[in-house]
PDB file of all heavy atoms in Angstrom:
ATOM      1  N   THR A   1      -0.448 -20.590  -8.998  1.00  0.00           N
ATOM      2  CA  THR A   1      -1.189 -19.308  -8.895  1.00  0.00           C
ATOM      3  C   THR A   1      -0.681 -18.488  -7.739  1.00  0.00           C
ATOM      4  O   THR A   1      -0.848 -18.833  -6.580  1.00  0.00           O
ATOM      5  CB  THR A   1      -2.678 -19.616  -8.741  1.00  0.00           C
ATOM      6  OG1 THR A   1      -2.876 -20.607  -7.696  1.00  0.00           O
ATOM      7  CG2 THR A   1      -3.329 -20.144 -10.006  1.00  0.00           C
ATOM      8  N   GLN A   2      -0.054 -17.386  -8.083  1.00  0.00           N
ATOM      9  CA  GLN A   2       0.517 -16.406  -7.103  1.00  0.00           C
ATOM     10  C   GLN A   2      -0.276 -15.198  -7.059  1.00  0.00           C
ATOM     11  O   GLN A   2      -0.819 -14.663  -8.067  1.00  0.00           O
ATOM     12  CB  GLN A   2       1.936 -16.070  -7.522  1.00  0.00           C
ATOM     13  CG  GLN A   2       2.821 -17.216  -7.799  1.00  0.00           C
ATOM     14  CD  GLN A   2       4.171 -16.775  -8.464  1.00  0.00           C
ATOM     15  OE1 GLN A   2       5.093 -16.482  -7.801  1.00  0.00           O
ATOM     16  NE2 GLN A   2       4.155 -16.766  -9.781  1.00  0.00           N
ATOM     17  N   THR A   3      -0.348 -14.656  -5.842  1.00  0.00           N
ATOM     18  CA  THR A   3      -1.155 -13.390  -5.685  1.00  0.00           C
ATOM     19  C   THR A   3      -0.403 -12.272  -5.088  1.00  0.00           C
ATOM     20  O   THR A   3       0.574 -12.491  -4.340  1.00  0.00           O
ATOM     21  CB  THR A   3      -2.358 -13.706  -4.735  1.00  0.00           C
ATOM     22  OG1 THR A   3      -1.880 -13.931  -3.429  1.00  0.00           O
ATOM     23  CG2 THR A   3      -3.202 -14.834  -5.259  1.00  0.00           C
ATOM     24  N   ILE A   4      -0.790 -11.008  -5.485  1.00  0.00           N
ATOM     25  CA  ILE A   4      -0.155  -9.843  -4.967  1.00  0.00           C
ATOM     26  C   ILE A   4      -1.302  -8.891  -4.433  1.00  0.00           C
ATOM     27  O   ILE A   4      -2.460  -9.155  -4.601  1.00  0.00           O
ATOM     28  CB  ILE A   4       0.649  -9.094  -6.037  1.00  0.00           C
ATOM     29  CG1 ILE A   4      -0.199  -8.880  -7.275  1.00  0.00           C
ATOM     30  CG2 ILE A   4       1.916  -9.877  -6.427  1.00  0.00           C
ATOM     31  CD1 ILE A   4       0.485  -8.051  -8.330  1.00  0.00           C
ATOM     32  N   LYS A   5      -0.877  -7.877  -3.761  1.00  0.00           N
ATOM     33  CA  LYS A   5      -1.778  -6.831  -3.209  1.00  0.00           C
ATOM     34  C   LYS A   5      -2.641  -7.355  -2.086  1.00  0.00           C
ATOM     35  O   LYS A   5      -3.736  -6.798  -1.883  1.00  0.00           O
ATOM     36  CB  LYS A   5      -2.581  -6.232  -4.320  1.00  0.00           C
ATOM     37  CG  LYS A   5      -1.786  -5.743  -5.482  1.00  0.00           C
ATOM     38  CD  LYS A   5      -0.784  -4.663  -5.114  1.00  0.00           C
ATOM     39  CE  LYS A   5      -0.094  -4.058  -6.421  1.00  0.00           C
ATOM     40  NZ  LYS A   5       0.971  -4.947  -6.916  1.00  0.00           N
ATOM     41  N   SER A   6      -2.299  -8.374  -1.421  1.00  0.00           N
ATOM     42  CA  SER A   6      -3.106  -8.975  -0.335  1.00  0.00           C
ATOM     43  C   SER A   6      -3.405  -7.992   0.771  1.00  0.00           C
ATOM     44  O   SER A   6      -4.479  -8.011   1.347  1.00  0.00           O
ATOM     45  CB  SER A   6      -2.463 -10.258   0.236  1.00  0.00           C
ATOM     46  OG  SER A   6      -1.191  -9.937   0.829  1.00  0.00           O
ATOM     47  N   VAL A   7      -2.390  -7.149   1.110  1.00  0.00           N
ATOM     48  CA  VAL A   7      -2.573  -6.257   2.241  1.00  0.00           C
ATOM     49  C   VAL A   7      -2.755  -4.841   1.738  1.00  0.00           C
ATOM     50  O   VAL A   7      -2.482  -3.863   2.528  1.00  0.00           O
ATOM     51  CB  VAL A   7      -1.393  -6.388   3.241  1.00  0.00           C
ATOM     52  CG1 VAL A   7      -1.303  -7.792   3.785  1.00  0.00           C
ATOM     53  CG2 VAL A   7      -0.077  -5.958   2.578  1.00  0.00           C
ATOM     54  N   ALA A   8      -3.190  -4.635   0.516  1.00  0.00           N
ATOM     55  CA  ALA A   8      -3.423  -3.289   0.019  1.00  0.00           C
ATOM     56  C   ALA A   8      -4.565  -2.619   0.729  1.00  0.00           C
ATOM     57  O   ALA A   8      -5.627  -3.267   0.993  1.00  0.00           O
ATOM     58  CB  ALA A   8      -3.597  -3.318  -1.500  1.00  0.00           C
ATOM     59  N   ARG A   9      -4.363  -1.393   1.105  1.00  0.00           N
ATOM     60  CA  ARG A   9      -5.450  -0.615   1.780  1.00  0.00           C
ATOM     61  C   ARG A   9      -6.159   0.273   0.813  1.00  0.00           C
ATOM     62  O   ARG A   9      -7.363   0.309   0.743  1.00  0.00           O
ATOM     63  CB  ARG A   9      -4.821   0.237   2.897  1.00  0.00           C
ATOM     64  CG  ARG A   9      -5.807   0.939   3.792  1.00  0.00           C
ATOM     65  CD  ARG A   9      -5.086   1.709   4.852  1.00  0.00           C
ATOM     66  NE  ARG A   9      -5.950   2.278   5.808  1.00  0.00           N
ATOM     67  CZ  ARG A   9      -5.544   3.071   6.875  1.00  0.00           C
ATOM     68  NH1 ARG A   9      -4.232   3.330   6.984  1.00  0.00           N
ATOM     69  NH2 ARG A   9      -6.420   3.603   7.716  1.00  0.00           N
ATOM     70  N   ARG A  10      -5.389   1.067   0.022  1.00  0.00           N
ATOM     71  CA  ARG A  10      -5.934   2.019  -0.943  1.00  0.00           C
ATOM     72  C   ARG A  10      -4.741   2.670  -1.669  1.00  0.00           C
ATOM     73  O   ARG A  10      -3.529   2.434  -1.297  1.00  0.00           O
ATOM     74  CB  ARG A  10      -6.743   3.100  -0.223  1.00  0.00           C
ATOM     75  CG  ARG A  10      -6.000   3.884   0.725  1.00  0.00           C
ATOM     76  CD  ARG A  10      -6.882   4.682   1.737  1.00  0.00           C
ATOM     77  NE  ARG A  10      -6.152   5.313   2.797  1.00  0.00           N
ATOM     78  CZ  ARG A  10      -6.722   5.562   3.946  1.00  0.00           C
ATOM     79  NH1 ARG A  10      -7.960   5.306   4.199  1.00  0.00           N
ATOM     80  NH2 ARG A  10      -5.946   6.111   4.948  1.00  0.00           N
ATOM     81  N   ARG A  11      -4.979   3.467  -2.662  1.00  0.00           N
ATOM     82  CA  ARG A  11      -3.945   4.327  -3.256  1.00  0.00           C
ATOM     83  C   ARG A  11      -3.578   5.403  -2.285  1.00  0.00           C
ATOM     84  O   ARG A  11      -4.353   5.734  -1.438  1.00  0.00           O
ATOM     85  CB  ARG A  11      -4.550   4.964  -4.529  1.00  0.00           C
ATOM     86  CG  ARG A  11      -4.970   3.977  -5.631  1.00  0.00           C
ATOM     87  CD  ARG A  11      -5.547   4.730  -6.822  1.00  0.00           C
ATOM     88  NE  ARG A  11      -6.249   3.815  -7.683  1.00  0.00           N
ATOM     89  CZ  ARG A  11      -6.868   4.169  -8.794  1.00  0.00           C
ATOM     90  NH1 ARG A  11      -6.884   5.502  -9.143  1.00  0.00           N
ATOM     91  NH2 ARG A  11      -7.501   3.374  -9.550  1.00  0.00           N
ATOM     92  N   TRP A  12      -2.352   5.824  -2.457  1.00  0.00           N
ATOM     93  CA  TRP A  12      -1.890   6.876  -1.569  1.00  0.00           C
ATOM     94  C   TRP A  12      -2.711   8.171  -1.782  1.00  0.00           C
ATOM     95  O   TRP A  12      -2.976   8.488  -2.894  1.00  0.00           O
ATOM     96  CB  TRP A  12      -0.457   7.192  -1.822  1.00  0.00           C
ATOM     97  CG  TRP A  12       0.506   6.179  -1.332  1.00  0.00           C
ATOM     98  CD1 TRP A  12       1.201   5.251  -2.094  1.00  0.00           C
ATOM     99  CD2 TRP A  12       0.878   5.910   0.037  1.00  0.00           C
ATOM    100  NE1 TRP A  12       1.995   4.484  -1.297  1.00  0.00           N
ATOM    101  CE2 TRP A  12       1.810   4.829   0.050  1.00  0.00           C
ATOM    102  CE3 TRP A  12       0.520   6.444   1.282  1.00  0.00           C
ATOM    103  CZ2 TRP A  12       2.336   4.312   1.218  1.00  0.00           C
ATOM    104  CZ3 TRP A  12       1.141   5.952   2.397  1.00  0.00           C
ATOM    105  CH2 TRP A  12       2.006   4.910   2.379  1.00  0.00           C
ATOM    106  N   THR A  13      -2.958   8.856  -0.699  1.00  0.00           N
ATOM    107  CA  THR A  13      -3.624  10.153  -0.765  1.00  0.00           C
ATOM    108  C   THR A  13      -2.788  11.139   0.034  1.00  0.00           C
ATOM    109  O   THR A  13      -2.214  10.878   1.010  1.00  0.00           O
ATOM    110  CB  THR A  13      -5.058  10.137  -0.123  1.00  0.00           C
ATOM    111  OG1 THR A  13      -4.929   9.709   1.277  1.00  0.00           O
ATOM    112  CG2 THR A  13      -5.943   9.172  -0.923  1.00  0.00           C
ATOM    113  N   GLY A  14      -2.605  12.352  -0.583  1.00  0.00           N
ATOM    114  CA  GLY A  14      -1.832  13.376   0.032  1.00  0.00           C
ATOM    115  C   GLY A  14      -0.327  13.084  -0.127  1.00  0.00           C
ATOM    116  O   GLY A  14       0.129  12.156  -0.831  1.00  0.00           O
ATOM    117  N   ASP A  15       0.435  13.916   0.567  1.00  0.00           N
ATOM    118  CA  ASP A  15       1.901  13.816   0.438  1.00  0.00           C
ATOM    119  C   ASP A  15       2.481  13.024   1.601  1.00  0.00           C
ATOM    120  O   ASP A  15       3.292  13.513   2.383  1.00  0.00           O
ATOM    121  CB  ASP A  15       2.509  15.227   0.332  1.00  0.00           C
ATOM    122  CG  ASP A  15       4.004  15.117   0.001  1.00  0.00           C
ATOM    123  OD1 ASP A  15       4.435  14.127  -0.612  1.00  0.00           O
ATOM    124  OD2 ASP A  15       4.726  16.158   0.335  1.00  0.00           O
ATOM    125  N   VAL A  16       2.096  11.771   1.768  1.00  0.00           N
ATOM    126  CA  VAL A  16       2.603  10.949   2.832  1.00  0.00           C
ATOM    127  C   VAL A  16       3.923  10.462   2.494  1.00  0.00           C
ATOM    128  O   VAL A  16       4.170   9.823   1.458  1.00  0.00           O
ATOM    129  CB  VAL A  16       1.561   9.735   3.027  1.00  0.00           C
ATOM    130  CG1 VAL A  16       2.087   8.864   4.172  1.00  0.00           C
ATOM    131  CG2 VAL A  16       0.237  10.266   3.407  1.00  0.00           C
ATOM    132  N   GLN A  17       4.861  10.560   3.417  1.00  0.00           N
ATOM    133  CA  GLN A  17       6.222  10.103   3.239  1.00  0.00           C
ATOM    134  C   GLN A  17       6.733   9.464   4.474  1.00  0.00           C
ATOM    135  O   GLN A  17       6.315   9.881   5.617  1.00  0.00           O
ATOM    136  CB  GLN A  17       7.148  11.314   2.850  1.00  0.00           C
ATOM    137  CG  GLN A  17       6.836  12.000   1.531  1.00  0.00           C
ATOM    138  CD  GLN A  17       6.988  11.072   0.318  1.00  0.00           C
ATOM    139  OE1 GLN A  17       7.765  10.128   0.382  1.00  0.00           O
ATOM    140  NE2 GLN A  17       6.223  11.394  -0.693  1.00  0.00           N
ATOM    141  N   PRO A  18       7.638   8.457   4.469  1.00  0.00           N
ATOM    142  CA  PRO A  18       8.043   7.764   3.228  1.00  0.00           C
ATOM    143  C   PRO A  18       7.060   6.785   2.736  1.00  0.00           C
ATOM    144  O   PRO A  18       6.157   6.364   3.462  1.00  0.00           O
ATOM    145  CB  PRO A  18       9.296   7.100   3.748  1.00  0.00           C
ATOM    146  CG  PRO A  18       9.031   6.735   5.152  1.00  0.00           C
ATOM    147  CD  PRO A  18       8.191   7.886   5.678  1.00  0.00           C
ATOM    148  N   ARG A  19       7.217   6.438   1.464  1.00  0.00           N
ATOM    149  CA  ARG A  19       6.318   5.422   0.827  1.00  0.00           C
ATOM    150  C   ARG A  19       7.213   4.265   0.453  1.00  0.00           C
ATOM    151  O   ARG A  19       8.165   4.393  -0.373  1.00  0.00           O
ATOM    152  CB  ARG A  19       5.620   6.007  -0.401  1.00  0.00           C
ATOM    153  CG  ARG A  19       4.699   7.158  -0.087  1.00  0.00           C
ATOM    154  CD  ARG A  19       4.015   7.683  -1.336  1.00  0.00           C
ATOM    155  NE  ARG A  19       3.116   8.731  -1.080  1.00  0.00           N
ATOM    156  CZ  ARG A  19       2.292   9.259  -2.018  1.00  0.00           C
ATOM    157  NH1 ARG A  19       2.310   8.827  -3.293  1.00  0.00           N
ATOM    158  NH2 ARG A  19       1.445  10.287  -1.652  1.00  0.00           N
ATOM    159  N   PHE A  20       6.941   3.125   0.987  1.00  0.00           N
ATOM    160  CA  PHE A  20       7.721   1.876   0.746  1.00  0.00           C
ATOM    161  C   PHE A  20       6.970   0.928  -0.298  1.00  0.00           C
ATOM    162  O   PHE A  20       7.540  -0.151  -0.519  1.00  0.00           O
ATOM    163  CB  PHE A  20       8.068   1.177   2.010  1.00  0.00           C
ATOM    164  CG  PHE A  20       8.944   2.031   2.897  1.00  0.00           C
ATOM    165  CD1 PHE A  20       8.392   2.614   4.020  1.00  0.00           C
ATOM    166  CD2 PHE A  20      10.233   2.264   2.604  1.00  0.00           C
ATOM    167  CE1 PHE A  20       9.212   3.415   4.880  1.00  0.00           C
ATOM    168  CE2 PHE A  20      11.060   3.063   3.415  1.00  0.00           C
ATOM    169  CZ  PHE A  20      10.531   3.601   4.577  1.00  0.00           C
ATOM    170  N   SER A  21       5.806   1.297  -0.730  1.00  0.00           N
ATOM    171  CA  SER A  21       5.114   0.534  -1.750  1.00  0.00           C
ATOM    172  C   SER A  21       4.274   1.585  -2.510  1.00  0.00           C
ATOM    173  O   SER A  21       4.028   2.642  -2.025  1.00  0.00           O
ATOM    174  CB  SER A  21       4.223  -0.511  -1.130  1.00  0.00           C
ATOM    175  OG  SER A  21       3.282  -0.043  -0.282  1.00  0.00           O
ATOM    176  N   TRP A  22       3.853   1.198  -3.777  1.00  0.00           N
ATOM    177  CA  TRP A  22       3.196   2.176  -4.526  1.00  0.00           C
ATOM    178  C   TRP A  22       1.689   2.343  -4.005  1.00  0.00           C
ATOM    179  O   TRP A  22       1.048   3.284  -4.463  1.00  0.00           O
ATOM    180  CB  TRP A  22       3.266   1.772  -6.020  1.00  0.00           C
ATOM    181  CG  TRP A  22       2.423   0.634  -6.445  1.00  0.00           C
ATOM    182  CD1 TRP A  22       2.862  -0.674  -6.669  1.00  0.00           C
ATOM    183  CD2 TRP A  22       1.003   0.676  -6.771  1.00  0.00           C
ATOM    184  NE1 TRP A  22       1.792  -1.414  -7.086  1.00  0.00           N
ATOM    185  CE2 TRP A  22       0.642  -0.652  -7.159  1.00  0.00           C
ATOM    186  CE3 TRP A  22       0.020   1.626  -6.883  1.00  0.00           C
ATOM    187  CZ2 TRP A  22      -0.661  -1.020  -7.594  1.00  0.00           C
ATOM    188  CZ3 TRP A  22      -1.235   1.246  -7.227  1.00  0.00           C
ATOM    189  CH2 TRP A  22      -1.602  -0.011  -7.564  1.00  0.00           C
ATOM    190  N   TYR A  23       1.209   1.468  -3.241  1.00  0.00           N
ATOM    191  CA  TYR A  23      -0.123   1.581  -2.635  1.00  0.00           C
ATOM    192  C   TYR A  23       0.088   1.681  -1.126  1.00  0.00           C
ATOM    193  O   TYR A  23       1.099   1.266  -0.586  1.00  0.00           O
ATOM    194  CB  TYR A  23      -0.951   0.308  -2.923  1.00  0.00           C
ATOM    195  CG  TYR A  23      -0.356  -0.966  -2.410  1.00  0.00           C
ATOM    196  CD1 TYR A  23      -0.648  -1.363  -1.067  1.00  0.00           C
ATOM    197  CD2 TYR A  23       0.471  -1.786  -3.171  1.00  0.00           C
ATOM    198  CE1 TYR A  23      -0.118  -2.581  -0.616  1.00  0.00           C
ATOM    199  CE2 TYR A  23       0.994  -2.921  -2.726  1.00  0.00           C
ATOM    200  CZ  TYR A  23       0.700  -3.317  -1.479  1.00  0.00           C
ATOM    201  OH  TYR A  23       1.332  -4.460  -0.918  1.00  0.00           O
ATOM    202  N   GLU A  24      -0.881   2.231  -0.451  1.00  0.00           N
ATOM    203  CA  GLU A  24      -0.828   2.337   0.948  1.00  0.00           C
ATOM    204  C   GLU A  24      -1.271   0.932   1.552  1.00  0.00           C
ATOM    205  O   GLU A  24      -2.390   0.459   1.305  1.00  0.00           O
ATOM    206  CB  GLU A  24      -1.787   3.408   1.539  1.00  0.00           C
ATOM    207  CG  GLU A  24      -1.793   3.564   3.056  1.00  0.00           C
ATOM    208  CD  GLU A  24      -2.689   4.633   3.459  1.00  0.00           C
ATOM    209  OE1 GLU A  24      -3.321   5.374   2.685  1.00  0.00           O
ATOM    210  OE2 GLU A  24      -2.810   4.741   4.809  1.00  0.00           O
ATOM    211  N   PRO A  25      -0.425   0.298   2.382  1.00  0.00           N
ATOM    212  CA  PRO A  25      -0.824  -1.028   2.944  1.00  0.00           C
ATOM    213  C   PRO A  25      -1.675  -0.872   4.201  1.00  0.00           C
ATOM    214  O   PRO A  25      -1.624   0.235   4.846  1.00  0.00           O
ATOM    215  CB  PRO A  25       0.545  -1.609   3.216  1.00  0.00           C
ATOM    216  CG  PRO A  25       1.359  -0.453   3.535  1.00  0.00           C
ATOM    217  CD  PRO A  25       0.985   0.667   2.687  1.00  0.00           C
ATOM    218  N   LEU A  26      -2.297  -1.913   4.525  1.00  0.00           N
ATOM    219  CA  LEU A  26      -2.905  -1.977   5.838  1.00  0.00           C
ATOM    220  C   LEU A  26      -1.835  -1.948   6.890  1.00  0.00           C
ATOM    221  O   LEU A  26      -0.714  -2.425   6.774  1.00  0.00           O
ATOM    222  CB  LEU A  26      -3.687  -3.298   6.030  1.00  0.00           C
ATOM    223  CG  LEU A  26      -4.939  -3.427   5.189  1.00  0.00           C
ATOM    224  CD1 LEU A  26      -5.378  -4.870   5.154  1.00  0.00           C
ATOM    225  CD2 LEU A  26      -6.027  -2.509   5.640  1.00  0.00           C
ATOM    226  N   PRO A  27      -2.115  -1.338   8.079  1.00  0.00           N
ATOM    227  CA  PRO A  27      -1.091  -1.308   9.139  1.00  0.00           C
ATOM    228  C   PRO A  27      -1.060  -2.651   9.824  1.00  0.00           C
ATOM    229  O   PRO A  27      -1.994  -3.447   9.742  1.00  0.00           O
ATOM    230  CB  PRO A  27      -1.694  -0.200  10.154  1.00  0.00           C
ATOM    231  CG  PRO A  27      -3.142  -0.266   9.846  1.00  0.00           C
ATOM    232  CD  PRO A  27      -3.330  -0.558   8.409  1.00  0.00           C
ATOM    233  N   ASN A  28       0.031  -2.878  10.535  1.00  0.00           N
ATOM    234  CA  ASN A  28       0.191  -4.084  11.386  1.00  0.00           C
ATOM    235  C   ASN A  28      -0.980  -4.167  12.319  1.00  0.00           C
ATOM    236  O   ASN A  28      -1.306  -3.167  13.016  1.00  0.00           O
ATOM    237  CB  ASN A  28       1.513  -4.018  12.090  1.00  0.00           C
ATOM    238  CG  ASN A  28       1.728  -5.339  12.825  1.00  0.00           C
ATOM    239  OD1 ASN A  28       1.120  -6.332  12.629  1.00  0.00           O
ATOM    240  ND2 ASN A  28       2.737  -5.272  13.770  1.00  0.00           N
TER     241      ASN A  28
END
């Protein structure tokens, strides 16, 4: 059983660049 999106924060909002994943991740 493998999991993804563990550190997902939310969908991107606004024109934030650059984007290195399709969702906005949690910051370090």
